[in-house]
Protein backbone atom coordinates (compact mmCIF):
# COMPACT_ATOMS: atom_id res chain seq x y z
CA MET A 1 122.87 76.47 93.38
CA SER A 2 121.19 76.89 89.96
CA HIS A 3 117.74 76.50 91.68
CA PHE A 4 118.67 79.32 93.98
CA TRP A 5 119.62 81.40 91.25
CA ARG A 6 116.45 80.64 89.32
CA GLN A 7 114.28 81.62 92.33
CA GLN A 8 116.22 84.92 92.53
CA GLN A 9 115.53 85.71 89.04
CA VAL A 10 111.81 85.10 89.55
CA ASP A 11 111.69 87.33 92.73
CA VAL A 12 113.30 90.20 90.70
CA GLY A 13 110.94 89.71 87.72
CA TYR A 14 108.02 89.82 90.40
CA VAL A 15 109.37 92.94 92.00
CA ARG A 16 109.74 94.67 88.72
CA ALA A 17 106.21 93.82 87.68
CA ARG A 18 104.93 95.11 91.09
CA ALA A 19 106.78 98.38 90.67
CA GLU A 20 105.61 98.69 87.08
CA MET A 21 101.88 98.11 88.10
CA ARG A 22 102.33 100.60 90.91
CA ARG A 23 103.60 103.19 88.75
CA ARG A 24 100.83 102.67 86.24
CA MET A 25 98.17 102.90 89.00
CA LEU A 26 99.84 106.12 90.35
CA HIS A 27 99.99 107.65 86.89
CA TYR A 28 96.31 106.72 86.22
CA HIS A 29 95.19 108.19 89.57
CA GLN A 30 97.22 111.35 88.85
CA LYS A 31 95.42 111.85 85.52
CA ARG A 32 92.07 111.40 87.25
CA ASN A 33 92.96 113.91 89.71
CA ASP A 34 93.96 116.25 86.93
CA LYS A 35 90.62 116.21 85.75
CA LYS A 36 88.80 116.36 88.94
CA CYS A 37 90.86 119.45 90.18
CA ASN A 38 91.45 121.04 86.83
CA GLY A 39 95.17 120.63 87.34
CA LYS A 40 95.43 123.00 90.34
CA HIS A 41 96.77 120.51 92.77
CA PHE A 42 98.34 118.20 90.21
CA PRO A 43 99.75 120.09 87.35
CA SER A 44 99.98 117.75 84.31
CA THR A 45 103.54 117.38 83.09
């Protein structure tokens, strides 16, 4: 039972890390698009 719980914790941490990485990538690309399009299509917040 404890092994299963530990595996679950690892999965949650992995999913969180993936989501954080994806959010950073999206933010990075959005900033690049701001420069490329002069903020017309992607107004910077």
